[in-house]
C-alpha atoms as a PDB file:
ATOM      1  CA  UNK A   1      -3.602 -24.029  30.455  1.00  0.00           C
ATOM      2  CA  UNK A   2      -3.714 -22.634  26.926  1.00  0.00           C
ATOM      3  CA  UNK A   3      -6.121 -24.397  24.553  1.00  0.00           C
ATOM      4  CA  UNK A   4      -4.025 -23.525  21.484  1.00  0.00           C
ATOM      5  CA  UNK A   5      -1.366 -26.032  22.531  1.00  0.00           C
ATOM      6  CA  UNK A   6      -3.791 -28.835  21.642  1.00  0.00           C
ATOM      7  CA  UNK A   7      -4.326 -27.613  18.058  1.00  0.00           C
ATOM      8  CA  UNK A   8      -2.095 -29.448  15.587  1.00  0.00           C
ATOM      9  CA  UNK A   9       0.491 -27.183  13.987  1.00  0.00           C
ATOM     10  CA  UNK A  10      -0.922 -27.693  10.474  1.00  0.00           C
ATOM     11  CA  UNK A  11      -4.092 -25.865  11.569  1.00  0.00           C
ATOM     12  CA  UNK A  12      -2.351 -22.953  13.245  1.00  0.00           C
ATOM     13  CA  UNK A  13      -2.438 -19.788  11.208  1.00  0.00           C
ATOM     14  CA  UNK A  14       0.971 -18.571  10.212  1.00  0.00           C
ATOM     15  CA  UNK A  15       0.940 -14.806  10.366  1.00  0.00           C
ATOM     16  CA  UNK A  16       3.558 -12.861   8.504  1.00  0.00           C
ATOM     17  CA  UNK A  17       4.089  -9.229   9.395  1.00  0.00           C
ATOM     18  CA  UNK A  18       2.573  -6.898   6.834  1.00  0.00           C
ATOM     19  CA  UNK A  19       5.135  -4.736   5.084  1.00  0.00           C
ATOM     20  CA  UNK A  20       3.515  -2.498   2.512  1.00  0.00           C
ATOM     21  CA  UNK A  21       5.986  -0.865   0.165  1.00  0.00           C
ATOM     22  CA  UNK A  22       4.886   1.743  -2.332  1.00  0.00           C
ATOM     23  CA  UNK A  23       5.911   1.293  -5.929  1.00  0.00           C
ATOM     24  CA  UNK A  24       6.875   4.976  -6.278  1.00  0.00           C
ATOM     25  CA  UNK A  25       8.106   7.514  -3.786  1.00  0.00           C
ATOM     26  CA  UNK A  26       5.577  10.198  -2.867  1.00  0.00           C
ATOM     27  CA  UNK A  27       6.596  13.847  -2.861  1.00  0.00           C
ATOM     28  CA  UNK A  28       4.830  16.596  -0.934  1.00  0.00           C
ATOM     29  CA  UNK A  29       4.194  19.672  -3.034  1.00  0.00           C
ATOM     30  CA  UNK A  30       1.736  22.502  -3.582  1.00  0.00           C
ATOM     31  CA  UNK A  31       0.763  23.646  -7.016  1.00  0.00           C
ATOM     32  CA  UNK A  32      -2.452  24.988  -8.432  1.00  0.00           C
ATOM     33  CA  UNK A  33      -4.199  22.657 -10.839  1.00  0.00           C
ATOM     34  CA  UNK A  34      -7.580  21.724 -12.287  1.00  0.00           C
ATOM     35  CA  UNK A  35      -9.397  18.418 -12.033  1.00  0.00           C
ATOM     36  CA  UNK A  36     -11.526  17.632 -15.094  1.00  0.00           C
ATOM     37  CA  UNK A  37     -14.314  15.059 -14.952  1.00  0.00           C
ATOM     38  CA  UNK A  38     -14.054  13.506 -18.396  1.00  0.00           C
ATOM     39  CA  UNK A  39     -17.671  12.331 -18.637  1.00  0.00           C
ATOM     40  CA  UNK A  40     -19.166  15.807 -18.045  1.00  0.00           C
ATOM     41  CA  UNK A  41     -16.192  18.111 -18.767  1.00  0.00           C
ATOM     42  CA  UNK A  42     -16.816  19.779 -15.387  1.00  0.00           C
ATOM     43  CA  UNK A  43     -13.702  21.378 -13.896  1.00  0.00           C
ATOM     44  CA  UNK A  44     -12.655  21.879 -10.297  1.00  0.00           C
ATOM     45  CA  UNK A  45      -9.946  24.307  -9.273  1.00  0.00           C
ATOM     46  CA  UNK A  46      -7.654  23.102  -6.525  1.00  0.00           C
ATOM     47  CA  UNK A  47      -4.181  22.163  -5.373  1.00  0.00           C
ATOM     48  CA  UNK A  48      -2.054  19.057  -5.867  1.00  0.00           C
ATOM     49  CA  UNK A  49      -0.612  18.316  -2.409  1.00  0.00           C
ATOM     50  CA  UNK A  50       1.284  15.141  -3.191  1.00  0.00           C
ATOM     51  CA  UNK A  51       2.587  13.521  -6.356  1.00  0.00           C
ATOM     52  CA  UNK A  52       4.377  10.377  -7.475  1.00  0.00           C
ATOM     53  CA  UNK A  53       4.960   8.682 -10.822  1.00  0.00           C
ATOM     54  CA  UNK A  54       1.783   6.661 -10.277  1.00  0.00           C
ATOM     55  CA  UNK A  55      -0.664   9.198  -8.882  1.00  0.00           C
ATOM     56  CA  UNK A  56      -1.459  12.346  -6.938  1.00  0.00           C
ATOM     57  CA  UNK A  57      -3.554  13.844  -4.153  1.00  0.00           C
ATOM     58  CA  UNK A  58      -5.811  16.663  -5.340  1.00  0.00           C
ATOM     59  CA  UNK A  59      -7.552  18.997  -2.887  1.00  0.00           C
ATOM     60  CA  UNK A  60     -10.453  20.944  -4.433  1.00  0.00           C
ATOM     61  CA  UNK A  61     -10.663  24.644  -3.594  1.00  0.00           C
ATOM     62  CA  UNK A  62     -14.106  24.073  -2.087  1.00  0.00           C
ATOM     63  CA  UNK A  63     -15.078  23.903   1.557  1.00  0.00           C
ATOM     64  CA  UNK A  64     -16.608  20.452   1.047  1.00  0.00           C
ATOM     65  CA  UNK A  65     -15.544  17.333  -0.835  1.00  0.00           C
ATOM     66  CA  UNK A  66     -18.081  15.174  -2.642  1.00  0.00           C
ATOM     67  CA  UNK A  67     -17.652  11.413  -2.748  1.00  0.00           C
ATOM     68  CA  UNK A  68     -16.320  10.774  -6.252  1.00  0.00           C
ATOM     69  CA  UNK A  69     -14.753   7.291  -6.153  1.00  0.00           C
ATOM     70  CA  UNK A  70     -14.061   5.426  -9.408  1.00  0.00           C
ATOM     71  CA  UNK A  71     -14.610   8.448 -11.651  1.00  0.00           C
ATOM     72  CA  UNK A  72     -12.384   8.888 -14.689  1.00  0.00           C
ATOM     73  CA  UNK A  73     -10.675  12.263 -14.566  1.00  0.00           C
ATOM     74  CA  UNK A  74      -7.996  14.392 -16.117  1.00  0.00           C
ATOM     75  CA  UNK A  75      -5.667  16.563 -14.064  1.00  0.00           C
ATOM     76  CA  UNK A  76      -3.665  19.499 -15.369  1.00  0.00           C
ATOM     77  CA  UNK A  77      -0.001  18.840 -14.771  1.00  0.00           C
ATOM     78  CA  UNK A  78       2.860  20.844 -16.270  1.00  0.00           C
ATOM     79  CA  UNK A  79       0.473  22.372 -18.805  1.00  0.00           C
ATOM     80  CA  UNK A  80      -0.836  18.997 -20.003  1.00  0.00           C
ATOM     81  CA  UNK A  81      -3.794  16.874 -18.949  1.00  0.00           C
ATOM     82  CA  UNK A  82      -2.911  13.526 -17.391  1.00  0.00           C
ATOM     83  CA  UNK A  83      -5.781  11.038 -17.192  1.00  0.00           C
ATOM     84  CA  UNK A  84      -6.496   8.743 -14.301  1.00  0.00           C
ATOM     85  CA  UNK A  85      -9.100   7.475 -11.894  1.00  0.00           C
ATOM     86  CA  UNK A  86     -10.160   8.615  -8.419  1.00  0.00           C
ATOM     87  CA  UNK A  87      -9.433   5.619  -6.207  1.00  0.00           C
ATOM     88  CA  UNK A  88     -10.595   7.101  -2.917  1.00  0.00           C
ATOM     89  CA  UNK A  89     -12.119  10.234  -1.446  1.00  0.00           C
ATOM     90  CA  UNK A  90     -10.805  11.474   1.893  1.00  0.00           C
ATOM     91  CA  UNK A  91     -11.264  14.620   3.934  1.00  0.00           C
ATOM     92  CA  UNK A  92      -7.928  15.906   2.592  1.00  0.00           C
ATOM     93  CA  UNK A  93      -8.806  15.377  -1.084  1.00  0.00           C
ATOM     94  CA  UNK A  94      -9.039  12.891  -3.933  1.00  0.00           C
ATOM     95  CA  UNK A  95      -6.448  10.142  -4.315  1.00  0.00           C
ATOM     96  CA  UNK A  96      -5.824   9.717  -8.035  1.00  0.00           C
ATOM     97  CA  UNK A  97      -4.123   6.840  -9.804  1.00  0.00           C
ATOM     98  CA  UNK A  98      -2.769   7.726 -13.226  1.00  0.00           C
ATOM     99  CA  UNK A  99      -3.574   5.381 -16.104  1.00  0.00           C
ATOM    100  CA  UNK A 100      -0.036   5.768 -17.397  1.00  0.00           C
ATOM    101  CA  UNK A 101       3.017   6.231 -15.193  1.00  0.00           C
ATOM    102  CA  UNK A 102       4.634   9.639 -15.395  1.00  0.00           C
ATOM    103  CA  UNK A 103       8.260   9.885 -16.454  1.00  0.00           C
ATOM    104  CA  UNK A 104      10.524  10.894 -13.566  1.00  0.00           C
ATOM    105  CA  UNK A 105      11.405  14.103 -15.444  1.00  0.00           C
ATOM    106  CA  UNK A 106       7.759  15.273 -15.346  1.00  0.00           C
ATOM    107  CA  UNK A 107       7.525  14.662 -11.599  1.00  0.00           C
ATOM    108  CA  UNK A 108      10.777  16.566 -11.018  1.00  0.00           C
ATOM    109  CA  UNK A 109       9.556  19.425 -13.230  1.00  0.00           C
ATOM    110  CA  UNK A 110       6.282  19.625 -11.288  1.00  0.00           C
ATOM    111  CA  UNK A 111       8.170  19.637  -7.983  1.00  0.00           C
ATOM    112  CA  UNK A 112      10.553  22.344  -9.214  1.00  0.00           C
ATOM    113  CA  UNK A 113       7.589  24.523 -10.181  1.00  0.00           C
ATOM    114  CA  UNK A 114       5.557  23.929  -7.032  1.00  0.00           C
ATOM    115  CA  UNK A 115       5.059  26.736  -4.554  1.00  0.00           C
ATOM    116  CA  UNK A 116       4.520  27.122  -0.873  1.00  0.00           C
ATOM    117  CA  UNK A 117       0.900  27.871   0.033  1.00  0.00           C
END
């Protein structure tokens, strides 16, 4: 006998399947860039491995990655610096959310000028 059959239906948790949909499509790429920490002006050389209108994944050219969550940064993109915030640090790099969405043309230009590494 299952005890859950005695629980009134108003108390049963209704579980909806989780369907997470990204706001912008992510694009894999490889282009050399610099990450600039705006509070200290320190720069890190590295590679952007993924980009969308809302953010990017930046992999520093170092053998280790320091935990840098919530830091305000700038990232060189198409010859300009785009500002954003590091939202998470992973073993594959820094996930960056841009403060201002990039126009689709800038993303396409970056993808057209990316290279295979």
